[in-house]
Each structure stands twice: as structure tokens, then as C-alpha cells.
Amino acid sequence: MGYAILSDTKVLVGDSDTKSLCRERGFGEEVDGRQVLSFIEAAYLTELGKLNVMVGEAKLSFDDLMNKGSDIERDFLSKYLVYRDLRNRGMLVRSGLKFGSDFRLYERGERLGRDHSKTLVHVVPEEYTCSFPELARSVRLAGNVNKDMIYALIDEESSITYYKIDRVRL
């Protein structure tokens, strides 16, 4: 099992074997020679038993990471549930922040640097409401960057329903 060190709002991978594993499987980003994971990625790898996240000499549990993630990111649990579901389905999931969504999604077998994501995923609670102009903006933005838009709705039982939203041209 690899290890990583908690540093503010990021998690720094500590050993070369874990760095290699993360790069191969699309976890984190290389920054100044270090592999940096998001809290969601670190929590996922911790839940799988692939990573120990340390603060000094103390090892953080999965629950510790979820609590810290919830302190720094709104709707962290919902985003984590969608992230985990998509990863467990064999998809590569990356941040969608620069596209105004929660995640960008690569299909099974695609690789970072070689392939482009084809889907944006926005995580919302079941009771979420929005205006048609807001919905149209998100779909138009996705279309402008050649991606599909999916809304992932989380209900009270933490079940996820995915809705693909698209334009119809007549």
C-alpha cells in the first residue's frame, strides 16, 4: 500500500511506486515533479485500500478524509459518490472545473494526453431546480467543447440517476 502526505487542500503522493500507479491509472496531476491528488481521488484510493494518507505520524481514515473534504468543498459527499460510481464502472474521471462542471469523463480504455474527454458531469441533489436558460447554457457550453452534458442526481438514499441533456435540432 502506498502513502501520501496531506498538504493543505491537496494530497502529495510520497513513494515512486504509488506515483507510477497514479499516473498509469489517471489519478492526480504532476506538479513540480510531485504527483498531487485531489481529496476525492485520495479518498477513493484510501477506500480501496491502495493509499495511506498521513498527517505527520498519524494515518487518516477514509472517514477523516471525507470530513476534511466536506470542510473544503461544497457537496463533497455527493461528488464523491458520483466519482466512485463512475470509477467503479471503469471510467477515467477528472476535474471539470475549467468547463464549469464537476467532472469530465473519459470512456473505458482512454488515456490522458492521448484521448479527449467526451462528457461533462454536473452533480446535483434530487431537489435541484434551474431555469431553462441556465440549462441551455450548460448544454451549449458542453456542445461548444464537443462534449455531452450529463446531470448526476443524488437522492436521499444516495442513489444516483444520470440524465444526458442535449439539444434537438429540427
C-alpha atoms as a PDB file:
ATOM      1  CA  MET A   1       0.000   0.000   0.000  1.00  0.00           C
ATOM      2  CA  GLY A   2       1.330   3.411  -0.972  1.00  0.00           C
ATOM      3  CA  TYR A   3       1.441   6.505   1.141  1.00  0.00           C
ATOM      4  CA  ALA A   4       0.735  10.185   0.671  1.00  0.00           C
ATOM      5  CA  ILE A   5       1.002  13.323   2.764  1.00  0.00           C
ATOM      6  CA  LEU A   6      -1.845  15.747   3.425  1.00  0.00           C
ATOM      7  CA  SER A   7      -0.821  19.274   2.476  1.00  0.00           C
ATOM      8  CA  ASP A   8      -3.495  21.953   2.894  1.00  0.00           C
ATOM      9  CA  THR A   9      -6.198  21.091   0.309  1.00  0.00           C
ATOM     10  CA  LYS A  10      -4.149  18.576  -1.705  1.00  0.00           C
ATOM     11  CA  VAL A  11      -2.595  15.205  -1.111  1.00  0.00           C
ATOM     12  CA  LEU A  12       1.026  14.633  -2.183  1.00  0.00           C
ATOM     13  CA  VAL A  13       1.964  11.084  -3.187  1.00  0.00           C
ATOM     14  CA  GLY A  14       5.007  10.005  -1.230  1.00  0.00           C
ATOM     15  CA  ASP A  15       6.559   6.965  -2.920  1.00  0.00           C
ATOM     16  CA  SER A  16       7.621   6.288  -6.511  1.00  0.00           C
ATOM     17  CA  ASP A  17       5.596   3.072  -6.938  1.00  0.00           C
ATOM     18  CA  THR A  18       2.393   4.858  -5.961  1.00  0.00           C
ATOM     19  CA  LYS A  19       3.289   7.810  -8.217  1.00  0.00           C
ATOM     20  CA  SER A  20       3.653   5.410 -11.143  1.00  0.00           C
ATOM     21  CA  LEU A  21       0.376   3.672 -10.320  1.00  0.00           C
ATOM     22  CA  CYS A  22      -1.429   7.024 -10.099  1.00  0.00           C
ATOM     23  CA  ARG A  23      -0.027   8.219 -13.429  1.00  0.00           C
ATOM     24  CA  GLU A  24      -0.925   4.961 -15.184  1.00  0.00           C
ATOM     25  CA  ARG A  25      -4.491   4.975 -13.873  1.00  0.00           C
ATOM     26  CA  GLY A  26      -5.165   8.701 -14.297  1.00  0.00           C
ATOM     27  CA  PHE A  27      -5.114   9.818 -10.678  1.00  0.00           C
ATOM     28  CA  GLY A  28      -3.816  13.281  -9.854  1.00  0.00           C
ATOM     29  CA  GLU A  29      -1.545  15.620 -11.715  1.00  0.00           C
ATOM     30  CA  GLU A  30       2.199  16.013 -11.816  1.00  0.00           C
ATOM     31  CA  VAL A  31       3.226  19.370 -10.338  1.00  0.00           C
ATOM     32  CA  ASP A  32       6.922  20.212  -9.960  1.00  0.00           C
ATOM     33  CA  GLY A  33       7.878  16.524 -10.090  1.00  0.00           C
ATOM     34  CA  ARG A  34       5.299  15.513  -7.466  1.00  0.00           C
ATOM     35  CA  GLN A  35       2.065  13.617  -8.022  1.00  0.00           C
ATOM     36  CA  VAL A  36      -0.739  15.688  -6.462  1.00  0.00           C
ATOM     37  CA  LEU A  37      -4.149  14.134  -5.745  1.00  0.00           C
ATOM     38  CA  SER A  38      -7.448  15.829  -5.019  1.00  0.00           C
ATOM     39  CA  PHE A  39      -9.296  14.901  -1.826  1.00  0.00           C
ATOM     40  CA  ILE A  40     -11.799  12.912  -3.880  1.00  0.00           C
ATOM     41  CA  GLU A  41      -9.031  10.881  -5.535  1.00  0.00           C
ATOM     42  CA  ALA A  42      -7.251  10.328  -2.215  1.00  0.00           C
ATOM     43  CA  ALA A  43     -10.489   9.257  -0.514  1.00  0.00           C
ATOM     44  CA  TYR A  44     -11.253   6.818  -3.333  1.00  0.00           C
ATOM     45  CA  LEU A  45      -7.792   5.237  -3.215  1.00  0.00           C
ATOM     46  CA  THR A  46      -7.987   5.087   0.586  1.00  0.00           C
ATOM     47  CA  GLU A  47     -11.388   3.390   0.474  1.00  0.00           C
ATOM     48  CA  LEU A  48      -9.946   0.820  -1.961  1.00  0.00           C
ATOM     49  CA  GLY A  49      -7.048   0.151   0.417  1.00  0.00           C
ATOM     50  CA  LYS A  50      -4.461   1.413  -2.093  1.00  0.00           C
ATOM     51  CA  LEU A  51      -3.318   4.514  -0.193  1.00  0.00           C
ATOM     52  CA  ASN A  52      -2.479   5.642   3.325  1.00  0.00           C
ATOM     53  CA  VAL A  53      -2.758   9.409   3.777  1.00  0.00           C
ATOM     54  CA  MET A  54      -0.567  10.743   6.556  1.00  0.00           C
ATOM     55  CA  VAL A  55      -0.520  13.922   8.652  1.00  0.00           C
ATOM     56  CA  GLY A  56       2.785  13.776  10.448  1.00  0.00           C
ATOM     57  CA  GLU A  57       2.867  10.325  12.051  1.00  0.00           C
ATOM     58  CA  ALA A  58      -0.932   9.932  12.056  1.00  0.00           C
ATOM     59  CA  LYS A  59      -2.729   7.951   9.372  1.00  0.00           C
ATOM     60  CA  LEU A  60      -6.049   9.435   8.238  1.00  0.00           C
ATOM     61  CA  SER A  61      -9.010   7.109   7.868  1.00  0.00           C
ATOM     62  CA  PHE A  62     -11.441   7.208   4.959  1.00  0.00           C
ATOM     63  CA  ASP A  63     -13.927   8.999   7.264  1.00  0.00           C
ATOM     64  CA  ASP A  64     -11.250  11.567   8.201  1.00  0.00           C
ATOM     65  CA  LEU A  65     -10.683  12.323   4.516  1.00  0.00           C
ATOM     66  CA  MET A  66     -14.420  12.584   3.847  1.00  0.00           C
ATOM     67  CA  ASN A  67     -14.813  15.025   6.760  1.00  0.00           C
ATOM     68  CA  LYS A  68     -11.879  17.158   5.633  1.00  0.00           C
ATOM     69  CA  GLY A  69     -13.151  17.103   2.054  1.00  0.00           C
ATOM     70  CA  SER A  70     -16.585  18.244   3.229  1.00  0.00           C
ATOM     71  CA  ASP A  71     -14.952  21.117   5.120  1.00  0.00           C
ATOM     72  CA  ILE A  72     -13.248  22.465   1.999  1.00  0.00           C
ATOM     73  CA  GLU A  73     -15.664  21.567  -0.813  1.00  0.00           C
ATOM     74  CA  ARG A  74     -19.413  22.056  -1.068  1.00  0.00           C
ATOM     75  CA  ASP A  75     -21.445  18.855  -1.694  1.00  0.00           C
ATOM     76  CA  PHE A  76     -18.289  16.766  -1.299  1.00  0.00           C
ATOM     77  CA  LEU A  77     -20.134  13.566  -0.342  1.00  0.00           C
ATOM     78  CA  SER A  78     -22.418  13.736  -3.403  1.00  0.00           C
ATOM     79  CA  LYS A  79     -19.465  14.412  -5.703  1.00  0.00           C
ATOM     80  CA  TYR A  80     -17.551  11.561  -4.112  1.00  0.00           C
ATOM     81  CA  LEU A  81     -20.437   9.129  -4.621  1.00  0.00           C
ATOM     82  CA  VAL A  82     -20.632  10.006  -8.329  1.00  0.00           C
ATOM     83  CA  TYR A  83     -16.836   9.889  -8.704  1.00  0.00           C
ATOM     84  CA  ARG A  84     -16.714   6.432  -7.088  1.00  0.00           C
ATOM     85  CA  ASP A  85     -19.606   5.132  -9.180  1.00  0.00           C
ATOM     86  CA  LEU A  86     -18.027   6.281 -12.435  1.00  0.00           C
ATOM     87  CA  ARG A  87     -14.564   4.975 -11.486  1.00  0.00           C
ATOM     88  CA  ASN A  88     -16.069   1.640 -10.464  1.00  0.00           C
ATOM     89  CA  ARG A  89     -17.625   1.457 -13.942  1.00  0.00           C
ATOM     90  CA  GLY A  90     -14.095   1.659 -15.377  1.00  0.00           C
ATOM     91  CA  MET A  91     -14.166   5.277 -16.489  1.00  0.00           C
ATOM     92  CA  LEU A  92     -11.433   7.845 -16.085  1.00  0.00           C
ATOM     93  CA  VAL A  93     -12.812  10.812 -14.129  1.00  0.00           C
ATOM     94  CA  ARG A  94     -11.066  14.179 -13.975  1.00  0.00           C
ATOM     95  CA  SER A  95     -11.981  17.626 -12.677  1.00  0.00           C
ATOM     96  CA  GLY A  96     -14.385  19.512 -14.927  1.00  0.00           C
ATOM     97  CA  LEU A  97     -13.804  22.866 -13.232  1.00  0.00           C
ATOM     98  CA  LYS A  98     -12.406  24.593 -16.314  1.00  0.00           C
ATOM     99  CA  PHE A  99     -15.575  23.586 -18.185  1.00  0.00           C
ATOM    100  CA  GLY A 100     -17.947  24.779 -15.450  1.00  0.00           C
ATOM    101  CA  SER A 101     -18.894  21.275 -14.318  1.00  0.00           C
ATOM    102  CA  ASP A 102     -17.859  18.914 -11.564  1.00  0.00           C
ATOM    103  CA  PHE A 103     -16.171  16.272 -13.716  1.00  0.00           C
ATOM    104  CA  ARG A 104     -15.069  15.452 -17.216  1.00  0.00           C
ATOM    105  CA  LEU A 105     -15.334  11.859 -18.186  1.00  0.00           C
ATOM    106  CA  TYR A 106     -13.224   9.632 -20.413  1.00  0.00           C
ATOM    107  CA  GLU A 107     -14.585   6.354 -21.715  1.00  0.00           C
ATOM    108  CA  ARG A 108     -13.075   2.999 -20.717  1.00  0.00           C
ATOM    109  CA  GLY A 109      -9.639   2.437 -22.176  1.00  0.00           C
ATOM    110  CA  GLU A 110      -8.986   6.109 -22.960  1.00  0.00           C
ATOM    111  CA  ARG A 111      -5.827   7.747 -21.671  1.00  0.00           C
ATOM    112  CA  LEU A 112      -4.921  11.231 -20.578  1.00  0.00           C
ATOM    113  CA  GLY A 113      -2.785  13.063 -23.105  1.00  0.00           C
ATOM    114  CA  ARG A 114      -3.824  10.721 -25.899  1.00  0.00           C
ATOM    115  CA  ASP A 115      -7.613  10.978 -25.859  1.00  0.00           C
ATOM    116  CA  HIS A 116     -10.078  13.774 -25.119  1.00  0.00           C
ATOM    117  CA  SER A 117     -12.944  13.599 -22.675  1.00  0.00           C
ATOM    118  CA  LYS A 118     -16.317  13.312 -24.328  1.00  0.00           C
ATOM    119  CA  THR A 119     -18.613  14.075 -21.409  1.00  0.00           C
ATOM    120  CA  LEU A 120     -19.102  16.659 -18.670  1.00  0.00           C
ATOM    121  CA  VAL A 121     -20.841  15.618 -15.457  1.00  0.00           C
ATOM    122  CA  HIS A 122     -22.620  18.015 -13.123  1.00  0.00           C
ATOM    123  CA  VAL A 123     -23.623  16.616  -9.700  1.00  0.00           C
ATOM    124  CA  VAL A 124     -26.877  17.934  -8.205  1.00  0.00           C
ATOM    125  CA  PRO A 125     -29.280  16.913  -5.426  1.00  0.00           C
ATOM    126  CA  GLU A 126     -32.595  15.351  -6.399  1.00  0.00           C
ATOM    127  CA  GLU A 127     -34.493  18.511  -5.434  1.00  0.00           C
ATOM    128  CA  TYR A 128     -32.297  20.671  -7.695  1.00  0.00           C
ATOM    129  CA  THR A 129     -34.104  23.251  -9.802  1.00  0.00           C
ATOM    130  CA  CYS A 130     -32.799  25.528 -12.505  1.00  0.00           C
ATOM    131  CA  SER A 131     -34.114  27.797 -15.210  1.00  0.00           C
ATOM    132  CA  PHE A 132     -34.249  26.825 -18.863  1.00  0.00           C
ATOM    133  CA  PRO A 133     -31.623  29.488 -19.736  1.00  0.00           C
ATOM    134  CA  GLU A 134     -29.275  28.005 -17.118  1.00  0.00           C
ATOM    135  CA  LEU A 135     -29.809  24.504 -18.502  1.00  0.00           C
ATOM    136  CA  ALA A 136     -29.348  25.755 -22.062  1.00  0.00           C
ATOM    137  CA  ARG A 137     -26.070  27.479 -21.089  1.00  0.00           C
ATOM    138  CA  SER A 138     -24.609  24.278 -19.672  1.00  0.00           C
ATOM    139  CA  VAL A 139     -25.650  22.238 -22.713  1.00  0.00           C
ATOM    140  CA  ARG A 140     -24.358  24.925 -25.089  1.00  0.00           C
ATOM    141  CA  LEU A 141     -21.024  25.111 -23.252  1.00  0.00           C
ATOM    142  CA  ALA A 142     -20.660  21.323 -23.440  1.00  0.00           C
ATOM    143  CA  GLY A 143     -21.515  21.395 -27.145  1.00  0.00           C
ATOM    144  CA  ASN A 144     -19.036  24.193 -27.826  1.00  0.00           C
ATOM    145  CA  VAL A 145     -16.225  21.992 -26.499  1.00  0.00           C
ATOM    146  CA  ASN A 146     -17.549  18.859 -28.264  1.00  0.00           C
ATOM    147  CA  LYS A 147     -18.794  17.141 -25.122  1.00  0.00           C
ATOM    148  CA  ASP A 148     -22.069  15.704 -23.901  1.00  0.00           C
ATOM    149  CA  MET A 149     -23.678  17.076 -20.728  1.00  0.00           C
ATOM    150  CA  ILE A 150     -24.808  14.676 -18.030  1.00  0.00           C
ATOM    151  CA  TYR A 151     -26.546  15.653 -14.813  1.00  0.00           C
ATOM    152  CA  ALA A 152     -26.000  13.181 -11.964  1.00  0.00           C
ATOM    153  CA  LEU A 153     -28.900  13.435  -9.491  1.00  0.00           C
ATOM    154  CA  ILE A 154     -28.361  12.121  -5.962  1.00  0.00           C
ATOM    155  CA  ASP A 155     -31.457  11.185  -3.963  1.00  0.00           C
ATOM    156  CA  GLU A 156     -31.893  10.932  -0.178  1.00  0.00           C
ATOM    157  CA  GLU A 157     -30.777   7.272  -0.224  1.00  0.00           C
ATOM    158  CA  SER A 158     -27.579   8.257  -2.100  1.00  0.00           C
ATOM    159  CA  SER A 159     -28.794   6.562  -5.291  1.00  0.00           C
ATOM    160  CA  ILE A 160     -27.533   8.144  -8.486  1.00  0.00           C
ATOM    161  CA  THR A 161     -29.560   8.718 -11.632  1.00  0.00           C
ATOM    162  CA  TYR A 162     -27.789  10.024 -14.729  1.00  0.00           C
ATOM    163  CA  TYR A 163     -29.557  12.270 -17.228  1.00  0.00           C
ATOM    164  CA  LYS A 164     -27.989  13.201 -20.528  1.00  0.00           C
ATOM    165  CA  ILE A 165     -29.193  16.631 -21.635  1.00  0.00           C
ATOM    166  CA  ASP A 166     -28.844  17.549 -25.291  1.00  0.00           C
ATOM    167  CA  ARG A 167     -30.152  19.974 -27.881  1.00  0.00           C
ATOM    168  CA  VAL A 168     -32.610  18.848 -30.504  1.00  0.00           C
ATOM    169  CA  ARG A 169     -32.275  20.484 -33.871  1.00  0.00           C
ATOM    170  CA  LEU A 170     -35.372  20.413 -36.048  1.00  0.00           C
END
